[in-house]
Amino acid sequence: MDTTQSSATEGSKSVEAGPFELKATEPLQLRVFVDKSVVEVFANGRQAVMRRIYPSRAESTGVRLFSTGGPARVTLLNAWEMMPSNPY
C-alpha cells in the first residue's frame, strides 16, 4: 500500500507490504475497503494491510492498482459503495 501521495499534511507516508507470496499459478485476488480515513487491503484471504490515511489533496481520494517488478493485468473489477457503519 503506497500512501506517499495521499496527503500533503497529516500522517506518516510510506509504501507498506505484508509478507505474501503467490503460488506458481495462483492469481492475486484483492479485496479493498475504503471507509473515510481507513483503507484495508486483503490478499487471497491470507494477508491483510491496513492504513489510516488523511487525504488532503483533491487527487488523493481514489484507489489505484500498481505493480513493481513486472506487469499486472486486471481480469475482473467490482466496486460497491458501502453504507456508513456510523452515520455521525
N, C-alpha and C. Protein backbone atom coordinates (compact mmCIF):
# COMPACT_ATOMS: atom_id res chain seq x y z
N MET A 1 0.85 -1.15 0.00
CA MET A 1 0.00 0.00 0.00
C MET A 1 0.90 1.22 0.00
N ASP A 2 0.76 2.05 -1.00
CA ASP A 2 1.59 3.24 -1.15
C ASP A 2 0.79 4.46 -0.73
N THR A 3 1.18 5.09 0.37
CA THR A 3 0.49 6.28 0.86
C THR A 3 1.33 7.55 0.69
N THR A 4 2.40 7.47 -0.10
CA THR A 4 3.30 8.61 -0.23
C THR A 4 2.65 9.83 -0.88
N GLN A 5 1.59 9.63 -1.66
CA GLN A 5 0.92 10.76 -2.32
C GLN A 5 -0.46 11.03 -1.72
N SER A 6 -0.75 10.47 -0.56
CA SER A 6 -2.10 10.55 -0.01
C SER A 6 -2.43 11.87 0.66
N SER A 7 -1.46 12.58 1.18
CA SER A 7 -1.75 13.79 1.91
C SER A 7 -0.56 14.73 1.85
N ALA A 8 -0.86 16.00 1.88
CA ALA A 8 0.21 16.99 1.92
C ALA A 8 0.54 17.37 3.36
N THR A 9 -0.27 16.92 4.31
CA THR A 9 -0.08 17.38 5.68
C THR A 9 0.04 16.24 6.69
N GLU A 10 -1.06 15.58 7.05
CA GLU A 10 -1.10 14.68 8.21
C GLU A 10 -0.61 13.27 7.94
N GLY A 11 -0.21 12.61 9.01
CA GLY A 11 0.08 11.19 8.97
C GLY A 11 1.40 10.82 8.32
N SER A 12 1.89 9.64 8.68
CA SER A 12 3.12 9.14 8.06
C SER A 12 2.81 8.63 6.67
N LYS A 13 3.78 8.75 5.77
CA LYS A 13 3.59 8.33 4.38
C LYS A 13 4.70 7.35 4.02
N SER A 14 4.30 6.19 3.48
CA SER A 14 5.29 5.16 3.15
C SER A 14 4.66 4.16 2.19
N VAL A 15 5.48 3.22 1.75
CA VAL A 15 4.99 2.07 1.00
C VAL A 15 5.07 0.90 1.97
N GLU A 16 3.94 0.25 2.19
CA GLU A 16 3.87 -0.82 3.17
C GLU A 16 3.36 -2.09 2.50
N ALA A 17 3.96 -3.21 2.87
CA ALA A 17 3.54 -4.51 2.33
C ALA A 17 3.64 -5.55 3.43
N GLY A 18 2.88 -6.61 3.29
CA GLY A 18 2.96 -7.72 4.23
C GLY A 18 3.71 -8.87 3.58
N PRO A 19 4.19 -9.81 4.37
CA PRO A 19 4.86 -10.98 3.78
C PRO A 19 3.85 -11.85 3.06
N PHE A 20 3.96 -11.93 1.74
CA PHE A 20 2.95 -12.64 0.95
C PHE A 20 3.57 -13.14 -0.34
N GLU A 21 3.39 -14.40 -0.65
CA GLU A 21 3.86 -14.97 -1.91
C GLU A 21 2.73 -15.74 -2.56
N LEU A 22 2.61 -15.57 -3.87
CA LEU A 22 1.63 -16.34 -4.64
C LEU A 22 2.22 -17.68 -5.02
N LYS A 23 1.39 -18.69 -5.08
CA LYS A 23 1.83 -19.99 -5.59
C LYS A 23 2.04 -19.86 -7.10
N ALA A 24 2.69 -20.80 -7.74
CA ALA A 24 3.12 -20.70 -9.14
C ALA A 24 2.03 -20.22 -10.09
N THR A 25 0.83 -20.76 -10.04
CA THR A 25 -0.22 -20.37 -10.99
C THR A 25 -1.38 -19.66 -10.30
N GLU A 26 -1.19 -19.24 -9.07
CA GLU A 26 -2.27 -18.62 -8.30
C GLU A 26 -2.47 -17.16 -8.72
N PRO A 27 -3.71 -16.78 -9.07
CA PRO A 27 -3.97 -15.37 -9.37
C PRO A 27 -4.07 -14.57 -8.07
N LEU A 28 -3.73 -13.31 -8.13
CA LEU A 28 -3.86 -12.43 -6.98
C LEU A 28 -5.29 -11.91 -6.92
N GLN A 29 -5.92 -12.07 -5.78
CA GLN A 29 -7.27 -11.55 -5.57
C GLN A 29 -7.22 -10.56 -4.41
N LEU A 30 -7.56 -9.32 -4.70
CA LEU A 30 -7.54 -8.27 -3.68
C LEU A 30 -8.96 -7.84 -3.34
N ARG A 31 -9.19 -7.65 -2.06
CA ARG A 31 -10.43 -7.02 -1.58
C ARG A 31 -9.98 -5.76 -0.89
N VAL A 32 -10.47 -4.63 -1.37
CA VAL A 32 -10.05 -3.33 -0.84
C VAL A 32 -11.28 -2.63 -0.26
N PHE A 33 -11.16 -2.20 0.98
CA PHE A 33 -12.24 -1.48 1.65
C PHE A 33 -11.72 -0.09 2.02
N VAL A 34 -12.49 0.93 1.64
CA VAL A 34 -12.16 2.32 1.96
C VAL A 34 -13.31 2.88 2.78
N ASP A 35 -13.03 3.30 3.99
CA ASP A 35 -14.05 3.86 4.88
C ASP A 35 -13.51 5.14 5.48
N LYS A 36 -13.85 6.26 4.86
CA LYS A 36 -13.35 7.57 5.25
C LYS A 36 -11.82 7.58 5.28
N SER A 37 -11.19 7.49 6.45
CA SER A 37 -9.74 7.59 6.52
C SER A 37 -9.05 6.24 6.70
N VAL A 38 -9.77 5.14 6.61
CA VAL A 38 -9.18 3.81 6.77
C VAL A 38 -9.24 3.05 5.45
N VAL A 39 -8.08 2.50 5.04
CA VAL A 39 -8.01 1.66 3.85
C VAL A 39 -7.51 0.29 4.29
N GLU A 40 -8.25 -0.77 3.95
CA GLU A 40 -7.87 -2.14 4.27
C GLU A 40 -7.73 -2.92 2.97
N VAL A 41 -6.66 -3.67 2.83
CA VAL A 41 -6.44 -4.50 1.65
C VAL A 41 -6.21 -5.93 2.11
N PHE A 42 -7.01 -6.85 1.57
CA PHE A 42 -6.91 -8.27 1.89
C PHE A 42 -6.47 -9.01 0.62
N ALA A 43 -5.42 -9.81 0.72
CA ALA A 43 -4.87 -10.54 -0.42
C ALA A 43 -5.14 -12.03 -0.27
N ASN A 44 -5.94 -12.57 -1.18
CA ASN A 44 -6.22 -14.00 -1.27
C ASN A 44 -6.66 -14.62 0.06
N GLY A 45 -7.28 -13.83 0.91
CA GLY A 45 -7.77 -14.35 2.18
C GLY A 45 -6.68 -14.77 3.15
N ARG A 46 -5.40 -14.43 2.84
CA ARG A 46 -4.28 -14.86 3.68
C ARG A 46 -3.49 -13.73 4.31
N GLN A 47 -3.57 -12.54 3.75
CA GLN A 47 -2.76 -11.43 4.25
C GLN A 47 -3.58 -10.15 4.20
N ALA A 48 -3.34 -9.28 5.16
CA ALA A 48 -4.06 -8.00 5.20
C ALA A 48 -3.09 -6.87 5.55
N VAL A 49 -3.35 -5.71 4.98
CA VAL A 49 -2.61 -4.49 5.30
C VAL A 49 -3.66 -3.41 5.51
N MET A 50 -3.50 -2.62 6.56
CA MET A 50 -4.43 -1.55 6.86
C MET A 50 -3.65 -0.27 7.15
N ARG A 51 -4.17 0.83 6.64
CA ARG A 51 -3.55 2.13 6.91
C ARG A 51 -4.63 3.16 7.15
N ARG A 52 -4.32 4.10 7.99
CA ARG A 52 -5.18 5.27 8.18
C ARG A 52 -4.60 6.37 7.30
N ILE A 53 -5.44 6.99 6.50
CA ILE A 53 -4.99 7.98 5.52
C ILE A 53 -5.84 9.23 5.65
N TYR A 54 -5.20 10.38 5.57
CA TYR A 54 -5.90 11.66 5.65
C TYR A 54 -5.73 12.39 4.32
N PRO A 55 -6.60 12.11 3.36
CA PRO A 55 -6.42 12.69 2.02
C PRO A 55 -6.73 14.19 2.00
N SER A 56 -5.68 15.00 1.90
CA SER A 56 -5.86 16.44 1.84
C SER A 56 -5.71 16.98 0.42
N ARG A 57 -5.27 16.16 -0.50
CA ARG A 57 -5.14 16.57 -1.90
C ARG A 57 -6.39 16.13 -2.66
N ALA A 58 -6.82 16.94 -3.61
CA ALA A 58 -8.01 16.61 -4.40
C ALA A 58 -7.82 15.31 -5.18
N GLU A 59 -6.59 15.05 -5.66
CA GLU A 59 -6.32 13.85 -6.46
C GLU A 59 -6.00 12.62 -5.61
N SER A 60 -6.08 12.72 -4.30
CA SER A 60 -5.70 11.58 -3.45
C SER A 60 -6.89 10.86 -2.83
N THR A 61 -8.04 10.93 -3.46
CA THR A 61 -9.22 10.28 -2.89
C THR A 61 -9.62 9.02 -3.64
N GLY A 62 -8.82 8.54 -4.55
CA GLY A 62 -9.13 7.33 -5.32
C GLY A 62 -8.27 6.16 -4.90
N VAL A 63 -8.51 5.04 -5.56
CA VAL A 63 -7.73 3.82 -5.34
C VAL A 63 -7.11 3.43 -6.68
N ARG A 64 -5.83 3.12 -6.69
CA ARG A 64 -5.14 2.70 -7.92
C ARG A 64 -4.43 1.39 -7.67
N LEU A 65 -4.36 0.58 -8.71
CA LEU A 65 -3.61 -0.67 -8.67
C LEU A 65 -2.27 -0.43 -9.35
N PHE A 66 -1.18 -0.89 -8.72
CA PHE A 66 0.13 -0.76 -9.34
C PHE A 66 0.92 -2.03 -9.11
N SER A 67 1.93 -2.22 -9.92
CA SER A 67 2.77 -3.40 -9.82
C SER A 67 4.23 -2.97 -9.91
N THR A 68 5.08 -3.57 -9.09
CA THR A 68 6.51 -3.34 -9.20
C THR A 68 7.17 -4.67 -9.54
N GLY A 69 8.12 -4.65 -10.44
CA GLY A 69 8.84 -5.86 -10.80
C GLY A 69 8.22 -6.65 -11.93
N GLY A 70 7.14 -6.17 -12.52
CA GLY A 70 6.52 -6.89 -13.62
C GLY A 70 5.15 -6.32 -13.95
N PRO A 71 4.60 -6.75 -15.08
CA PRO A 71 3.29 -6.23 -15.50
C PRO A 71 2.16 -6.83 -14.66
N ALA A 72 1.03 -6.14 -14.66
CA ALA A 72 -0.18 -6.62 -13.99
C ALA A 72 -1.35 -6.47 -14.95
N ARG A 73 -2.29 -7.39 -14.85
CA ARG A 73 -3.48 -7.33 -15.70
C ARG A 73 -4.70 -7.55 -14.82
N VAL A 74 -5.66 -6.65 -14.90
CA VAL A 74 -6.90 -6.78 -14.14
C VAL A 74 -7.88 -7.58 -15.00
N THR A 75 -8.34 -8.72 -14.48
CA THR A 75 -9.28 -9.55 -15.23
C THR A 75 -10.72 -9.35 -14.78
N LEU A 76 -10.91 -8.86 -13.57
CA LEU A 76 -12.26 -8.61 -13.06
C LEU A 76 -12.17 -7.52 -12.00
N LEU A 77 -13.08 -6.55 -12.08
CA LEU A 77 -13.13 -5.49 -11.09
C LEU A 77 -14.58 -5.22 -10.74
N ASN A 78 -14.90 -5.33 -9.47
CA ASN A 78 -16.23 -4.99 -8.97
C ASN A 78 -16.07 -3.90 -7.93
N ALA A 79 -17.01 -2.96 -7.90
CA ALA A 79 -16.97 -1.89 -6.90
C ALA A 79 -18.37 -1.64 -6.39
N TRP A 80 -18.46 -1.41 -5.09
CA TRP A 80 -19.72 -1.10 -4.45
C TRP A 80 -19.51 0.07 -3.52
N GLU A 81 -20.52 0.92 -3.39
CA GLU A 81 -20.45 1.96 -2.39
C GLU A 81 -21.04 1.40 -1.11
N MET A 82 -20.28 1.49 -0.05
CA MET A 82 -20.73 0.92 1.23
C MET A 82 -21.53 1.96 2.02
N MET A 83 -22.48 1.45 2.76
CA MET A 83 -23.25 2.29 3.65
C MET A 83 -22.40 2.58 4.90
N PRO A 84 -22.42 3.79 5.42
CA PRO A 84 -21.60 4.09 6.59
C PRO A 84 -22.02 3.23 7.78
N SER A 85 -21.04 2.76 8.55
CA SER A 85 -21.35 1.99 9.75
C SER A 85 -21.78 2.91 10.88
N ASN A 86 -21.33 4.17 10.83
CA ASN A 86 -21.71 5.16 11.82
C ASN A 86 -22.02 6.44 11.07
N PRO A 87 -23.28 6.81 10.92
CA PRO A 87 -23.64 7.98 10.12
C PRO A 87 -23.24 9.32 10.73
N TYR A 88 -22.66 9.32 11.93
CA TYR A 88 -22.31 10.58 12.60
C TYR A 88 -20.93 10.96 12.23
